Amino acid sequence: MNLSQLLSRFVRGMGDFVVFVGDTLRAFRRLWFRRGLLWTHGEAIGVSSTGIISLAAIFFGAAMGYEFWQGFHWFGMEE
């Protein structure tokens, strides 16, 4: 890949990023008028999923505890 192709890809990527940022800022402007819907969806996504998140955290903690125990056991530092 030569320098002109790299420069072309970089400029195209920066253009895509600028378009992305512009779309995001326009979406934030519209979001203010629909903030009630945002809070409703935030509650449905966040608060209503507390049970499954807690269950996943318990299993993740158990797996991490087992991994740490194995590492400590390797060096004889279980206690």
PDB file of N, CA and C in Angstrom:
ATOM      1  N   MET A   1       0.857  -1.162   0.000  1.00  0.00           N
ATOM      2  CA  MET A   1       0.000   0.000   0.000  1.00  0.00           C
ATOM      3  C   MET A   1       0.910   1.235   0.000  1.00  0.00           C
ATOM      4  N   ASN A   2       0.693   2.110  -0.930  1.00  0.00           N
ATOM      5  CA  ASN A   2       1.562   3.281  -1.019  1.00  0.00           C
ATOM      6  C   ASN A   2       0.995   4.454  -0.216  1.00  0.00           C
ATOM      7  N   LEU A   3       1.734   5.540  -0.194  1.00  0.00           N
ATOM      8  CA  LEU A   3       1.386   6.689   0.637  1.00  0.00           C
ATOM      9  C   LEU A   3       0.074   7.342   0.218  1.00  0.00           C
ATOM     10  N   SER A   4      -0.190   7.416  -1.081  1.00  0.00           N
ATOM     11  CA  SER A   4      -1.436   8.057  -1.530  1.00  0.00           C
ATOM     12  C   SER A   4      -2.656   7.246  -1.099  1.00  0.00           C
ATOM     13  N   GLN A   5      -2.545   5.931  -1.118  1.00  0.00           N
ATOM     14  CA  GLN A   5      -3.671   5.106  -0.662  1.00  0.00           C
ATOM     15  C   GLN A   5      -3.880   5.245   0.835  1.00  0.00           C
ATOM     16  N   LEU A   6      -2.778   5.295   1.596  1.00  0.00           N
ATOM     17  CA  LEU A   6      -2.906   5.483   3.042  1.00  0.00           C
ATOM     18  C   LEU A   6      -3.532   6.825   3.363  1.00  0.00           C
ATOM     19  N   LEU A   7      -3.093   7.876   2.668  1.00  0.00           N
ATOM     20  CA  LEU A   7      -3.651   9.208   2.900  1.00  0.00           C
ATOM     21  C   LEU A   7      -5.119   9.253   2.524  1.00  0.00           C
ATOM     22  N   SER A   8      -5.480   8.592   1.426  1.00  0.00           N
ATOM     23  CA  SER A   8      -6.877   8.551   0.995  1.00  0.00           C
ATOM     24  C   SER A   8      -7.745   7.837   2.035  1.00  0.00           C
ATOM     25  N   ARG A   9      -7.259   6.718   2.552  1.00  0.00           N
ATOM     26  CA  ARG A   9      -8.022   5.990   3.576  1.00  0.00           C
ATOM     27  C   ARG A   9      -8.157   6.813   4.852  1.00  0.00           C
ATOM     28  N   PHE A  10      -7.091   7.536   5.226  1.00  0.00           N
ATOM     29  CA  PHE A  10      -7.135   8.362   6.427  1.00  0.00           C
ATOM     30  C   PHE A  10      -8.153   9.489   6.271  1.00  0.00           C
ATOM     31  N   VAL A  11      -8.121  10.170   5.125  1.00  0.00           N
ATOM     32  CA  VAL A  11      -9.050  11.278   4.893  1.00  0.00           C
ATOM     33  C   VAL A  11     -10.483  10.764   4.850  1.00  0.00           C
ATOM     34  N   ARG A  12     -10.711   9.625   4.211  1.00  0.00           N
ATOM     35  CA  ARG A  12     -12.053   9.040   4.172  1.00  0.00           C
ATOM     36  C   ARG A  12     -12.523   8.657   5.569  1.00  0.00           C
ATOM     37  N   GLY A  13     -11.633   8.086   6.362  1.00  0.00           N
ATOM     38  CA  GLY A  13     -11.989   7.721   7.733  1.00  0.00           C
ATOM     39  C   GLY A  13     -12.304   8.936   8.582  1.00  0.00           C
ATOM     40  N   MET A  14     -11.529  10.002   8.426  1.00  0.00           N
ATOM     41  CA  MET A  14     -11.805  11.231   9.178  1.00  0.00           C
ATOM     42  C   MET A  14     -13.133  11.849   8.745  1.00  0.00           C
ATOM     43  N   GLY A  15     -13.433  11.770   7.445  1.00  0.00           N
ATOM     44  CA  GLY A  15     -14.722  12.268   6.963  1.00  0.00           C
ATOM     45  C   GLY A  15     -15.872  11.482   7.556  1.00  0.00           C
ATOM     46  N   ASP A  16     -15.735  10.164   7.614  1.00  0.00           N
ATOM     47  CA  ASP A  16     -16.775   9.336   8.236  1.00  0.00           C
ATOM     48  C   ASP A  16     -16.940   9.686   9.707  1.00  0.00           C
ATOM     49  N   PHE A  17     -15.835   9.961  10.388  1.00  0.00           N
ATOM     50  CA  PHE A  17     -15.914  10.316  11.801  1.00  0.00           C
ATOM     51  C   PHE A  17     -16.614  11.655  11.990  1.00  0.00           C
ATOM     52  N   VAL A  18     -16.321  12.622  11.126  1.00  0.00           N
ATOM     53  CA  VAL A  18     -16.973  13.929  11.227  1.00  0.00           C
ATOM     54  C   VAL A  18     -18.475  13.791  10.993  1.00  0.00           C
ATOM     55  N   VAL A  19     -18.870  12.972  10.033  1.00  0.00           N
ATOM     56  CA  VAL A  19     -20.291  12.736   9.786  1.00  0.00           C
ATOM     57  C   VAL A  19     -20.931  12.072  11.004  1.00  0.00           C
ATOM     58  N   PHE A  20     -20.234  11.109  11.603  1.00  0.00           N
ATOM     59  CA  PHE A  20     -20.740  10.434  12.800  1.00  0.00           C
ATOM     60  C   PHE A  20     -20.953  11.425  13.947  1.00  0.00           C
ATOM     61  N   VAL A  21     -19.971  12.302  14.179  1.00  0.00           N
ATOM     62  CA  VAL A  21     -20.093  13.286  15.260  1.00  0.00           C
ATOM     63  C   VAL A  21     -21.249  14.241  14.980  1.00  0.00           C
ATOM     64  N   GLY A  22     -21.395  14.667  13.733  1.00  0.00           N
ATOM     65  CA  GLY A  22     -22.509  15.550  13.377  1.00  0.00           C
ATOM     66  C   GLY A  22     -23.854  14.886  13.611  1.00  0.00           C
ATOM     67  N   ASP A  23     -23.996  13.639  13.195  1.00  0.00           N
ATOM     68  CA  ASP A  23     -25.246  12.907  13.429  1.00  0.00           C
ATOM     69  C   ASP A  23     -25.528  12.747  14.915  1.00  0.00           C
ATOM     70  N   THR A  24     -24.480  12.496  15.693  1.00  0.00           N
ATOM     71  CA  THR A  24     -24.645  12.339  17.140  1.00  0.00           C
ATOM     72  C   THR A  24     -25.114  13.639  17.781  1.00  0.00           C
ATOM     73  N   LEU A  25     -24.522  14.746  17.398  1.00  0.00           N
ATOM     74  CA  LEU A  25     -24.933  16.037  17.963  1.00  0.00           C
ATOM     75  C   LEU A  25     -26.362  16.400  17.568  1.00  0.00           C
ATOM     76  N   ARG A  26     -26.748  16.095  16.339  1.00  0.00           N
ATOM     77  CA  ARG A  26     -28.139  16.337  15.940  1.00  0.00           C
ATOM     78  C   ARG A  26     -29.095  15.465  16.742  1.00  0.00           C
ATOM     79  N   ALA A  27     -28.696  14.225  17.018  1.00  0.00           N
ATOM     80  CA  ALA A  27     -29.543  13.321  17.800  1.00  0.00           C
ATOM     81  C   ALA A  27     -29.691  13.837  19.231  1.00  0.00           C
ATOM     82  N   PHE A  28     -28.620  14.384  19.811  1.00  0.00           N
ATOM     83  CA  PHE A  28     -28.715  14.941  21.158  1.00  0.00           C
ATOM     84  C   PHE A  28     -29.667  16.123  21.202  1.00  0.00           C
ATOM     85  N   ARG A  29     -29.695  16.924  20.149  1.00  0.00           N
ATOM     86  CA  ARG A  29     -30.605  18.062  20.125  1.00  0.00           C
ATOM     87  C   ARG A  29     -32.051  17.581  20.117  1.00  0.00           C
ATOM     88  N   ARG A  30     -32.337  16.538  19.348  1.00  0.00           N
ATOM     89  CA  ARG A  30     -33.703  15.990  19.315  1.00  0.00           C
ATOM     90  C   ARG A  30     -34.048  15.255  20.601  1.00  0.00           C
ATOM     91  N   LEU A  31     -33.034  14.729  21.264  1.00  0.00           N
ATOM     92  CA  LEU A  31     -33.258  13.939  22.469  1.00  0.00           C
ATOM     93  C   LEU A  31     -33.879  14.768  23.585  1.00  0.00           C
ATOM     94  N   TRP A  32     -33.556  16.042  23.655  1.00  0.00           N
ATOM     95  CA  TRP A  32     -34.078  16.901  24.721  1.00  0.00           C
ATOM     96  C   TRP A  32     -35.600  16.955  24.683  1.00  0.00           C
ATOM     97  N   PHE A  33     -36.169  16.906  23.497  1.00  0.00           N
ATOM     98  CA  PHE A  33     -37.622  16.982  23.377  1.00  0.00           C
ATOM     99  C   PHE A  33     -38.291  15.640  23.671  1.00  0.00           C
ATOM    100  N   ARG A  34     -37.516  14.572  23.725  1.00  0.00           N
ATOM    101  CA  ARG A  34     -38.068  13.251  24.007  1.00  0.00           C
ATOM    102  C   ARG A  34     -37.462  12.674  25.285  1.00  0.00           C
ATOM    103  N   ARG A  35     -37.159  13.527  26.261  1.00  0.00           N
ATOM    104  CA  ARG A  35     -36.472  13.053  27.465  1.00  0.00           C
ATOM    105  C   ARG A  35     -37.333  12.122  28.302  1.00  0.00           C
ATOM    106  N   GLY A  36     -38.638  12.252  28.236  1.00  0.00           N
ATOM    107  CA  GLY A  36     -39.504  11.325  28.951  1.00  0.00           C
ATOM    108  C   GLY A  36     -39.347   9.904  28.440  1.00  0.00           C
ATOM    109  N   LEU A  37     -39.256   9.775  27.130  1.00  0.00           N
ATOM    110  CA  LEU A  37     -39.040   8.465  26.525  1.00  0.00           C
ATOM    111  C   LEU A  37     -37.669   7.918  26.906  1.00  0.00           C
ATOM    112  N   LEU A  38     -36.681   8.804  26.987  1.00  0.00           N
ATOM    113  CA  LEU A  38     -35.338   8.381  27.390  1.00  0.00           C
ATOM    114  C   LEU A  38     -35.354   7.801  28.798  1.00  0.00           C
ATOM    115  N   TRP A  39     -36.036   8.474  29.724  1.00  0.00           N
ATOM    116  CA  TRP A  39     -36.110   7.972  31.100  1.00  0.00           C
ATOM    117  C   TRP A  39     -36.854   6.643  31.170  1.00  0.00           C
ATOM    118  N   THR A  40     -37.908   6.510  30.378  1.00  0.00           N
ATOM    119  CA  THR A  40     -38.665   5.255  30.368  1.00  0.00           C
ATOM    120  C   THR A  40     -37.803   4.097  29.865  1.00  0.00           C
ATOM    121  N   HIS A  41     -37.085   4.333  28.796  1.00  0.00           N
ATOM    122  CA  HIS A  41     -36.220   3.277  28.257  1.00  0.00           C
ATOM    123  C   HIS A  41     -35.031   3.018  29.176  1.00  0.00           C
ATOM    124  N   GLY A  42     -34.504   4.074  29.797  1.00  0.00           N
ATOM    125  CA  GLY A  42     -33.410   3.890  30.755  1.00  0.00           C
ATOM    126  C   GLY A  42     -33.825   3.022  31.918  1.00  0.00           C
ATOM    127  N   GLU A  43     -35.051   3.221  32.399  1.00  0.00           N
ATOM    128  CA  GLU A  43     -35.544   2.388  33.489  1.00  0.00           C
ATOM    129  C   GLU A  43     -35.723   0.949  33.037  1.00  0.00           C
ATOM    130  N   ALA A  44     -36.277   0.758  31.846  1.00  0.00           N
ATOM    131  CA  ALA A  44     -36.502  -0.599  31.348  1.00  0.00           C
ATOM    132  C   ALA A  44     -35.185  -1.325  31.139  1.00  0.00           C
ATOM    133  N   ILE A  45     -34.187  -0.622  30.657  1.00  0.00           N
ATOM    134  CA  ILE A  45     -32.896  -1.257  30.396  1.00  0.00           C
ATOM    135  C   ILE A  45     -32.109  -1.435  31.683  1.00  0.00           C
ATOM    136  N   GLY A  46     -32.096  -0.427  32.541  1.00  0.00           N
ATOM    137  CA  GLY A  46     -31.242  -0.457  33.724  1.00  0.00           C
ATOM    138  C   GLY A  46     -31.871  -1.112  34.936  1.00  0.00           C
ATOM    139  N   VAL A  47     -32.925  -0.506  35.448  1.00  0.00           N
ATOM    140  CA  VAL A  47     -33.512  -0.955  36.713  1.00  0.00           C
ATOM    141  C   VAL A  47     -34.177  -2.313  36.561  1.00  0.00           C
ATOM    142  N   SER A  48     -34.846  -2.533  35.459  1.00  0.00           N
ATOM    143  CA  SER A  48     -35.577  -3.789  35.281  1.00  0.00           C
ATOM    144  C   SER A  48     -34.660  -4.982  35.027  1.00  0.00           C
ATOM    145  N   SER A  49     -33.400  -4.744  34.712  1.00  0.00           N
ATOM    146  CA  SER A  49     -32.489  -5.854  34.454  1.00  0.00           C
ATOM    147  C   SER A  49     -31.566  -6.130  35.637  1.00  0.00           C
ATOM    148  N   THR A  50     -31.896  -5.620  36.801  1.00  0.00           N
ATOM    149  CA  THR A  50     -31.049  -5.803  37.974  1.00  0.00           C
ATOM    150  C   THR A  50     -30.896  -7.278  38.338  1.00  0.00           C
ATOM    151  N   GLY A  51     -31.940  -8.063  38.194  1.00  0.00           N
ATOM    152  CA  GLY A  51     -31.879  -9.485  38.556  1.00  0.00           C
ATOM    153  C   GLY A  51     -30.874 -10.255  37.724  1.00  0.00           C
ATOM    154  N   ILE A  52     -30.935 -10.108  36.418  1.00  0.00           N
ATOM    155  CA  ILE A  52     -30.026 -10.868  35.562  1.00  0.00           C
ATOM    156  C   ILE A  52     -28.595 -10.361  35.713  1.00  0.00           C
ATOM    157  N   ILE A  53     -28.433  -9.067  35.952  1.00  0.00           N
ATOM    158  CA  ILE A  53     -27.097  -8.522  36.174  1.00  0.00           C
ATOM    159  C   ILE A  53     -26.513  -9.075  37.468  1.00  0.00           C
ATOM    160  N   SER A  54     -27.340  -9.167  38.509  1.00  0.00           N
ATOM    161  CA  SER A  54     -26.868  -9.722  39.781  1.00  0.00           C
ATOM    162  C   SER A  54     -26.480 -11.190  39.635  1.00  0.00           C
ATOM    163  N   LEU A  55     -27.280 -11.939  38.921  1.00  0.00           N
ATOM    164  CA  LEU A  55     -26.969 -13.344  38.701  1.00  0.00           C
ATOM    165  C   LEU A  55     -25.658 -13.505  37.927  1.00  0.00           C
ATOM    166  N   ALA A  56     -25.469 -12.697  36.900  1.00  0.00           N
ATOM    167  CA  ALA A  56     -24.223 -12.766  36.131  1.00  0.00           C
ATOM    168  C   ALA A  56     -23.037 -12.361  36.998  1.00  0.00           C
ATOM    169  N   ALA A  57     -23.223 -11.375  37.873  1.00  0.00           N
ATOM    170  CA  ALA A  57     -22.140 -10.943  38.752  1.00  0.00           C
ATOM    171  C   ALA A  57     -21.756 -12.036  39.745  1.00  0.00           C
ATOM    172  N   ILE A  58     -22.728 -12.787  40.225  1.00  0.00           N
ATOM    173  CA  ILE A  58     -22.441 -13.883  41.157  1.00  0.00           C
ATOM    174  C   ILE A  58     -21.592 -14.941  40.463  1.00  0.00           C
ATOM    175  N   PHE A  59     -21.981 -15.344  39.261  1.00  0.00           N
ATOM    176  CA  PHE A  59     -21.207 -16.350  38.538  1.00  0.00           C
ATOM    177  C   PHE A  59     -19.829 -15.828  38.148  1.00  0.00           C
ATOM    178  N   PHE A  60     -19.747 -14.567  37.756  1.00  0.00           N
ATOM    179  CA  PHE A  60     -18.460 -13.983  37.413  1.00  0.00           C
ATOM    180  C   PHE A  60     -17.555 -13.931  38.636  1.00  0.00           C
ATOM    181  N   GLY A  61     -18.105 -13.563  39.779  1.00  0.00           N
ATOM    182  CA  GLY A  61     -17.326 -13.530  41.011  1.00  0.00           C
ATOM    183  C   GLY A  61     -16.846 -14.913  41.417  1.00  0.00           C
ATOM    184  N   ALA A  62     -17.694 -15.924  41.231  1.00  0.00           N
ATOM    185  CA  ALA A  62     -17.287 -17.292  41.558  1.00  0.00           C
ATOM    186  C   ALA A  62     -16.157 -17.753  40.640  1.00  0.00           C
ATOM    187  N   ALA A  63     -16.268 -17.451  39.367  1.00  0.00           N
ATOM    188  CA  ALA A  63     -15.211 -17.839  38.427  1.00  0.00           C
ATOM    189  C   ALA A  63     -13.909 -17.108  38.741  1.00  0.00           C
ATOM    190  N   MET A  64     -13.977 -15.824  39.058  1.00  0.00           N
ATOM    191  CA  MET A  64     -12.769 -15.072  39.399  1.00  0.00           C
ATOM    192  C   MET A  64     -12.156 -15.583  40.699  1.00  0.00           C
ATOM    193  N   GLY A  65     -13.004 -15.913  41.679  1.00  0.00           N
ATOM    194  CA  GLY A  65     -12.499 -16.475  42.921  1.00  0.00           C
ATOM    195  C   GLY A  65     -11.767 -17.778  42.704  1.00  0.00           C
ATOM    196  N   TYR A  66     -12.326 -18.627  41.854  1.00  0.00           N
ATOM    197  CA  TYR A  66     -11.671 -19.897  41.541  1.00  0.00           C
ATOM    198  C   TYR A  66     -10.344 -19.664  40.834  1.00  0.00           C
ATOM    199  N   GLU A  67     -10.300 -18.727  39.900  1.00  0.00           N
ATOM    200  CA  GLU A  67      -9.057 -18.425  39.186  1.00  0.00           C
ATOM    201  C   GLU A  67      -7.998 -17.875  40.144  1.00  0.00           C
ATOM    202  N   PHE A  68      -8.402 -16.981  41.050  1.00  0.00           N
ATOM    203  CA  PHE A  68      -7.442 -16.454  42.022  1.00  0.00           C
ATOM    204  C   PHE A  68      -6.949 -17.556  42.953  1.00  0.00           C
ATOM    205  N   TRP A  69      -7.865 -18.444  43.369  1.00  0.00           N
ATOM    206  CA  TRP A  69      -7.456 -19.543  44.236  1.00  0.00           C
ATOM    207  C   TRP A  69      -6.423 -20.417  43.534  1.00  0.00           C
ATOM    208  N   GLN A  70      -6.639 -20.698  42.241  1.00  0.00           N
ATOM    209  CA  GLN A  70      -5.671 -21.510  41.503  1.00  0.00           C
ATOM    210  C   GLN A  70      -4.305 -20.826  41.448  1.00  0.00           C
ATOM    211  N   GLY A  71      -4.318 -19.535  41.200  1.00  0.00           N
ATOM    212  CA  GLY A  71      -3.055 -18.798  41.150  1.00  0.00           C
ATOM    213  C   GLY A  71      -2.350 -18.784  42.494  1.00  0.00           C
ATOM    214  N   PHE A  72      -3.093 -18.581  43.563  1.00  0.00           N
ATOM    215  CA  PHE A  72      -2.494 -18.584  44.896  1.00  0.00           C
ATOM    216  C   PHE A  72      -2.024 -19.990  45.277  1.00  0.00           C
ATOM    217  N   HIS A  73      -2.788 -20.997  44.878  1.00  0.00           N
ATOM    218  CA  HIS A  73      -2.416 -22.386  45.186  1.00  0.00           C
ATOM    219  C   HIS A  73      -1.110 -22.750  44.497  1.00  0.00           C
ATOM    220  N   TRP A  74      -0.895 -22.246  43.314  1.00  0.00           N
ATOM    221  CA  TRP A  74       0.330 -22.509  42.563  1.00  0.00           C
ATOM    222  C   TRP A  74       1.557 -22.074  43.348  1.00  0.00           C
ATOM    223  N   PHE A  75       1.429 -20.960  44.084  1.00  0.00           N
ATOM    224  CA  PHE A  75       2.549 -20.438  44.860  1.00  0.00           C
ATOM    225  C   PHE A  75       2.451 -20.791  46.338  1.00  0.00           C
ATOM    226  N   GLY A  76       1.461 -21.575  46.737  1.00  0.00           N
ATOM    227  CA  GLY A  76       1.297 -21.981  48.117  1.00  0.00           C
ATOM    228  C   GLY A  76       0.827 -20.864  49.029  1.00  0.00           C
ATOM    229  N   MET A  77      -0.026 -19.979  48.517  1.00  0.00           N
ATOM    230  CA  MET A  77      -0.493 -18.838  49.313  1.00  0.00           C
ATOM    231  C   MET A  77      -2.005 -18.855  49.473  1.00  0.00           C
ATOM    232  N   GLU A  78      -2.596 -20.010  49.704  1.00  0.00           N
ATOM    233  CA  GLU A  78      -4.046 -20.080  49.806  1.00  0.00           C
ATOM    234  C   GLU A  78      -4.593 -19.280  50.986  1.00  0.00           C
ATOM    235  N   GLU A  79      -3.827 -19.184  52.035  1.00  0.00           N
ATOM    236  CA  GLU A  79      -4.334 -18.526  53.237  1.00  0.00           C
ATOM    237  C   GLU A  79      -4.007 -17.068  53.169  1.00  0.00           C
TER     238      GLU A  79
END
